[in-house]
C-alpha atoms as a PDB file:
ATOM      1  CA  MET A   1      -6.491  -3.716 -34.085  1.00  0.00           C
ATOM      2  CA  LYS A   2      -6.033  -1.790 -30.845  1.00  0.00           C
ATOM      3  CA  ARG A   3      -5.216   1.897 -31.026  1.00  0.00           C
ATOM      4  CA  ARG A   4      -2.188   2.934 -28.985  1.00  0.00           C
ATOM      5  CA  THR A   5      -1.907   6.252 -27.222  1.00  0.00           C
ATOM      6  CA  THR A   6       1.037   7.835 -25.454  1.00  0.00           C
ATOM      7  CA  THR A   7       0.720   9.195 -21.921  1.00  0.00           C
ATOM      8  CA  LYS A   8       2.763  11.937 -20.205  1.00  0.00           C
ATOM      9  CA  ARG A   9       5.865   9.855 -19.556  1.00  0.00           C
ATOM     10  CA  GLY A  10       5.985   8.230 -22.965  1.00  0.00           C
ATOM     11  CA  ARG A  11       4.260   5.023 -21.911  1.00  0.00           C
ATOM     12  CA  LYS A  12       1.900   3.570 -24.421  1.00  0.00           C
ATOM     13  CA  GLY A  13      -1.650   2.694 -23.484  1.00  0.00           C
ATOM     14  CA  HIS A  14      -4.321   0.801 -25.365  1.00  0.00           C
ATOM     15  CA  GLY A  15      -7.387   2.785 -26.447  1.00  0.00           C
ATOM     16  CA  ILE A  16     -10.186   2.357 -23.940  1.00  0.00           C
ATOM     17  CA  SER A  17      -7.852   1.282 -21.139  1.00  0.00           C
ATOM     18  CA  ALA A  18      -5.764   4.448 -21.550  1.00  0.00           C
ATOM     19  CA  PHE A  19      -8.951   6.531 -21.615  1.00  0.00           C
ATOM     20  CA  PHE A  20     -10.213   5.051 -18.340  1.00  0.00           C
ATOM     21  CA  GLU A  21      -6.773   5.398 -16.746  1.00  0.00           C
ATOM     22  CA  LYS A  22      -6.735   9.121 -17.596  1.00  0.00           C
ATOM     23  CA  LEU A  23     -10.332   9.485 -16.416  1.00  0.00           C
ATOM     24  CA  ALA A  24      -9.621   7.685 -13.141  1.00  0.00           C
ATOM     25  CA  ARG A  25      -6.458   9.731 -12.533  1.00  0.00           C
ATOM     26  CA  ALA A  26      -8.366  12.982 -13.147  1.00  0.00           C
ATOM     27  CA  ALA A  27     -11.256  11.851 -10.901  1.00  0.00           C
ATOM     28  CA  ILE A  28      -8.846  10.877  -8.111  1.00  0.00           C
ATOM     29  CA  GLU A  29      -7.096  14.239  -8.315  1.00  0.00           C
ATOM     30  CA  TRP A  30     -10.375  16.141  -8.340  1.00  0.00           C
ATOM     31  CA  ALA A  31     -12.090  14.078  -5.632  1.00  0.00           C
ATOM     32  CA  GLY A  32      -9.135  14.573  -3.290  1.00  0.00           C
ATOM     33  CA  GLY A  33      -9.214  18.333  -3.658  1.00  0.00           C
ATOM     34  CA  SER A  34     -10.783  21.152  -1.667  1.00  0.00           C
ATOM     35  CA  TRP A  35     -13.326  21.945  -4.394  1.00  0.00           C
ATOM     36  CA  ALA A  36     -14.768  18.440  -4.254  1.00  0.00           C
ATOM     37  CA  PHE A  37     -15.183  18.688  -0.495  1.00  0.00           C
ATOM     38  CA  ALA A  38     -16.763  22.145  -0.829  1.00  0.00           C
ATOM     39  CA  MET A  39     -19.140  20.816  -3.464  1.00  0.00           C
ATOM     40  CA  ALA A  40     -20.142  17.854  -1.263  1.00  0.00           C
ATOM     41  CA  VAL A  41     -20.823  20.152   1.685  1.00  0.00           C
ATOM     42  CA  SER A  42     -22.841  22.458  -0.594  1.00  0.00           C
ATOM     43  CA  VAL A  43     -24.976  19.590  -1.897  1.00  0.00           C
ATOM     44  CA  ILE A  44     -25.731  18.461   1.670  1.00  0.00           C
ATOM     45  CA  LEU A  45     -26.592  22.019   2.742  1.00  0.00           C
ATOM     46  CA  VAL A  46     -28.901  22.553  -0.262  1.00  0.00           C
ATOM     47  CA  TRP A  47     -30.537  19.187   0.342  1.00  0.00           C
ATOM     48  CA  GLY A  48     -31.027  19.975   4.037  1.00  0.00           C
ATOM     49  CA  LEU A  49     -32.406  23.445   3.349  1.00  0.00           C
ATOM     50  CA  THR A  50     -34.887  22.108   0.791  1.00  0.00           C
ATOM     51  CA  GLY A  51     -36.284  19.593   3.312  1.00  0.00           C
ATOM     52  CA  PRO A  52     -39.042  21.898   4.558  1.00  0.00           C
ATOM     53  CA  ILE A  53     -39.959  22.852   0.973  1.00  0.00           C
ATOM     54  CA  PHE A  54     -40.534  19.193   0.074  1.00  0.00           C
ATOM     55  CA  GLY A  55     -42.036  18.365   3.466  1.00  0.00           C
ATOM     56  CA  PHE A  56     -39.158  16.017   4.297  1.00  0.00           C
ATOM     57  CA  SER A  57     -40.841  13.520   1.966  1.00  0.00           C
ATOM     58  CA  ASP A  58     -39.678  10.027   1.102  1.00  0.00           C
ATOM     59  CA  THR A  59     -38.723  11.252  -2.369  1.00  0.00           C
ATOM     60  CA  TRP A  60     -36.622  14.040  -0.852  1.00  0.00           C
ATOM     61  CA  GLN A  61     -34.777  11.447   1.276  1.00  0.00           C
ATOM     62  CA  LEU A  62     -34.475   9.043  -1.654  1.00  0.00           C
ATOM     63  CA  VAL A  63     -32.681  11.709  -3.713  1.00  0.00           C
ATOM     64  CA  ILE A  64     -29.832  12.099  -1.216  1.00  0.00           C
ATOM     65  CA  ASN A  65     -29.681   8.353  -0.471  1.00  0.00           C
ATOM     66  CA  THR A  66     -29.424   7.466  -4.151  1.00  0.00           C
ATOM     67  CA  GLY A  67     -26.890  10.200  -4.856  1.00  0.00           C
ATOM     68  CA  THR A  68     -24.624   9.294  -1.966  1.00  0.00           C
ATOM     69  CA  THR A  69     -24.862   5.579  -2.772  1.00  0.00           C
ATOM     70  CA  ILE A  70     -23.766   6.174  -6.363  1.00  0.00           C
ATOM     71  CA  VAL A  71     -20.902   8.452  -5.326  1.00  0.00           C
ATOM     72  CA  THR A  72     -19.791   6.004  -2.624  1.00  0.00           C
ATOM     73  CA  PHE A  73     -19.889   3.084  -5.063  1.00  0.00           C
ATOM     74  CA  LEU A  74     -17.692   4.921  -7.574  1.00  0.00           C
ATOM     75  CA  MET A  75     -15.323   6.260  -4.913  1.00  0.00           C
ATOM     76  CA  VAL A  76     -14.636   2.758  -3.580  1.00  0.00           C
ATOM     77  CA  PHE A  77     -13.133   1.825  -6.943  1.00  0.00           C
ATOM     78  CA  LEU A  78     -11.207   5.067  -7.300  1.00  0.00           C
ATOM     79  CA  ILE A  79      -9.767   4.770  -3.796  1.00  0.00           C
ATOM     80  CA  GLN A  80      -8.816   1.129  -4.396  1.00  0.00           C
ATOM     81  CA  ARG A  81      -7.152   2.038  -7.697  1.00  0.00           C
ATOM     82  CA  ALA A  82      -5.146   4.831  -6.080  1.00  0.00           C
ATOM     83  CA  GLN A  83      -4.183   2.581  -3.184  1.00  0.00           C
ATOM     84  CA  ASN A  84      -3.091  -0.242  -5.511  1.00  0.00           C
ATOM     85  CA  LYS A  85      -0.959   2.120  -7.578  1.00  0.00           C
ATOM     86  CA  GLU A  86       0.638   3.680  -4.501  1.00  0.00           C
ATOM     87  CA  SER A  87       1.285   0.265  -2.969  1.00  0.00           C
ATOM     88  CA  LYS A  88       2.986  -0.969  -6.149  1.00  0.00           C
ATOM     89  CA  ALA A  89       5.125   2.170  -6.319  1.00  0.00           C
ATOM     90  CA  ILE A  90       6.215   1.765  -2.688  1.00  0.00           C
ATOM     91  CA  GLN A  91       6.982  -1.933  -3.256  1.00  0.00           C
ATOM     92  CA  LEU A  92       9.105  -1.069  -6.303  1.00  0.00           C
ATOM     93  CA  LYS A  93      11.027   1.516  -4.305  1.00  0.00           C
ATOM     94  CA  LEU A  94      11.587  -0.959  -1.466  1.00  0.00           C
ATOM     95  CA  ASN A  95      12.669  -3.624  -3.972  1.00  0.00           C
ATOM     96  CA  GLU A  96      15.216  -1.188  -5.382  1.00  0.00           C
ATOM     97  CA  ILE A  97      16.573  -0.443  -1.904  1.00  0.00           C
ATOM     98  CA  VAL A  98      16.852  -4.142  -1.037  1.00  0.00           C
ATOM     99  CA  ALA A  99      18.531  -4.869  -4.379  1.00  0.00           C
ATOM    100  CA  ALA A 100      20.981  -1.989  -3.930  1.00  0.00           C
ATOM    101  CA  ILE A 101      22.074  -2.662  -0.341  1.00  0.00           C
ATOM    102  CA  GLN A 102      24.986  -5.039  -0.107  1.00  0.00           C
ATOM    103  CA  GLY A 103      24.276  -7.774   2.401  1.00  0.00           C
ATOM    104  CA  ALA A 104      20.492  -7.378   2.229  1.00  0.00           C
ATOM    105  CA  SER A 105      18.598 -10.558   1.420  1.00  0.00           C
ATOM    106  CA  ASN A 106      17.334 -10.609  -2.157  1.00  0.00           C
ATOM    107  CA  HIS A 107      14.677 -13.077  -0.954  1.00  0.00           C
ATOM    108  CA  LEU A 108      12.665 -10.021   0.057  1.00  0.00           C
ATOM    109  CA  ILE A 109      12.496  -8.574  -3.449  1.00  0.00           C
ATOM    110  CA  ASP A 110       8.937  -9.006  -4.697  1.00  0.00           C
ATOM    111  CA  VAL A 111       7.886 -10.527  -1.349  1.00  0.00           C
ATOM    112  CA  GLU A 112       4.397  -9.042  -1.768  1.00  0.00           C
ATOM    113  CA  ASN A 113       3.707 -11.634  -4.477  1.00  0.00           C
ATOM    114  CA  LEU A 114       4.398 -14.622  -2.238  1.00  0.00           C
ATOM    115  CA  SER A 115       1.591 -16.727  -0.813  1.00  0.00           C
ATOM    116  CA  GLU A 116       0.395 -16.077   2.732  1.00  0.00           C
ATOM    117  CA  GLN A 117       2.075 -19.319   3.807  1.00  0.00           C
ATOM    118  CA  GLU A 118       5.420 -18.221   2.320  1.00  0.00           C
ATOM    119  CA  ILE A 119       5.117 -14.819   3.980  1.00  0.00           C
ATOM    120  CA  GLU A 120       4.414 -16.533   7.315  1.00  0.00           C
ATOM    121  CA  ILE A 121       7.565 -18.642   6.870  1.00  0.00           C
ATOM    122  CA  LEU A 122       9.583 -15.473   6.224  1.00  0.00           C
ATOM    123  CA  HIS A 123       7.939 -13.835   9.250  1.00  0.00           C
ATOM    124  CA  LYS A 124       9.101 -16.731  11.432  1.00  0.00           C
ATOM    125  CA  HIS A 125      12.548 -16.553   9.817  1.00  0.00           C
ATOM    126  CA  TYR A 126      12.932 -12.885  10.736  1.00  0.00           C
ATOM    127  CA  GLY A 127      11.449 -13.497  14.168  1.00  0.00           C
ATOM    128  CA  GLU A 128      14.201 -16.055  14.767  1.00  0.00           C
ATOM    129  CA  LEU A 129      16.750 -13.586  13.406  1.00  0.00           C
ATOM    130  CA  ALA A 130      15.517 -10.928  15.836  1.00  0.00           C
ATOM    131  CA  ARG A 131      15.640 -13.402  18.720  1.00  0.00           C
ATOM    132  CA  LEU A 132      19.225 -14.408  17.908  1.00  0.00           C
ATOM    133  CA  ALA A 133      20.276 -10.811  17.366  1.00  0.00           C
ATOM    134  CA  GLY A 134      18.644  -9.924  20.682  1.00  0.00           C
ATOM    135  CA  LYS A 135      20.933 -12.430  22.377  1.00  0.00           C
ATOM    136  CA  ALA A 136      23.866 -10.666  20.753  1.00  0.00           C
ATOM    137  CA  GLY A 137      22.599  -7.345  22.108  1.00  0.00           C
ATOM    138  CA  ASN A 138      22.180  -5.567  18.756  1.00  0.00           C
ATOM    139  CA  VAL A 139      19.227  -6.297  16.472  1.00  0.00           C
ATOM    140  CA  LEU A 140      20.940  -4.600  13.539  1.00  0.00           C
ATOM    141  CA  GLU A 141      24.074  -6.788  13.540  1.00  0.00           C
ATOM    142  CA  SER A 142      22.900  -9.788  11.485  1.00  0.00           C
ATOM    143  CA  HIS A 143      21.530 -10.156   7.983  1.00  0.00           C
ATOM    144  CA  SER A 144      20.596 -13.832   8.037  1.00  0.00           C
ATOM    145  CA  ILE A 145      19.662 -16.532  10.507  1.00  0.00           C
ATOM    146  CA  GLU A 146      22.747 -18.475   9.514  1.00  0.00           C
ATOM    147  CA  GLU A 147      24.946 -15.462  10.209  1.00  0.00           C
ATOM    148  CA  ALA A 148      23.129 -14.827  13.494  1.00  0.00           C
ATOM    149  CA  ARG A 149      23.584 -18.475  14.539  1.00  0.00           C
ATOM    150  CA  ASP A 150      27.268 -18.375  13.601  1.00  0.00           C
ATOM    151  CA  ARG A 151      27.774 -15.180  15.602  1.00  0.00           C
ATOM    152  CA  SER A 152      25.818 -16.552  18.541  1.00  0.00           C
ATOM    153  CA  GLU A 153      27.820 -19.809  18.522  1.00  0.00           C
ATOM    154  CA  PHE A 154      31.100 -17.923  18.131  1.00  0.00           C
ATOM    155  CA  LYS A 155      30.254 -15.651  21.054  1.00  0.00           C
ATOM    156  CA  SER A 156      29.243 -18.652  23.189  1.00  0.00           C
ATOM    157  CA  ARG A 157      32.555 -20.388  22.399  1.00  0.00           C
ATOM    158  CA  GLU A 158      34.482 -17.194  23.217  1.00  0.00           C
ATOM    159  CA  ARG A 159      32.619 -16.842  26.517  1.00  0.00           C
ATOM    160  CA  GLY A 160      33.341 -20.504  27.265  1.00  0.00           C
ATOM    161  CA  LYS A 161      37.048 -19.991  26.560  1.00  0.00           C
ATOM    162  CA  ARG A 162      37.144 -16.952  28.868  1.00  0.00           C
ATOM    163  CA  VAL A 163      35.348 -18.823  31.643  1.00  0.00           C
ATOM    164  CA  ALA A 164      37.689 -21.843  31.273  1.00  0.00           C
ATOM    165  CA  SER A 165      40.835 -19.716  31.503  1.00  0.00           C
END
């Protein structure tokens, strides 16, 4: 049976997963701070200053290479985790805005989970919308291609009527 723990906001986590989430969050906070940078600079300075003591040996170089490789390896995962979380939060906020705005296309809610092909189709759709709106003179006027086409056709008919009279 999995042990459940409660985090700050009342969410429940599962044992080891909750532990690693807390650890990763703490590491991200610490690694992004001034003390982490100061510590990294200090380690490099100490390593550089000890070069003459160790005769700039292969072992002396191996120490810094191994240390930086390990730190880099771990930081890649921490940075990716932070970026994934931030990206999801931004997408949720954008989804809420799209859902709340009357006239906005709900097709865009959760668009980040579409395939690349579906996203390309939407890209072409909005490119066409921009082209049609550009004809109308105001990119912000239309909310759909159909609406843009209708407006464009209506304006063309109105222009035709004016020219004929």
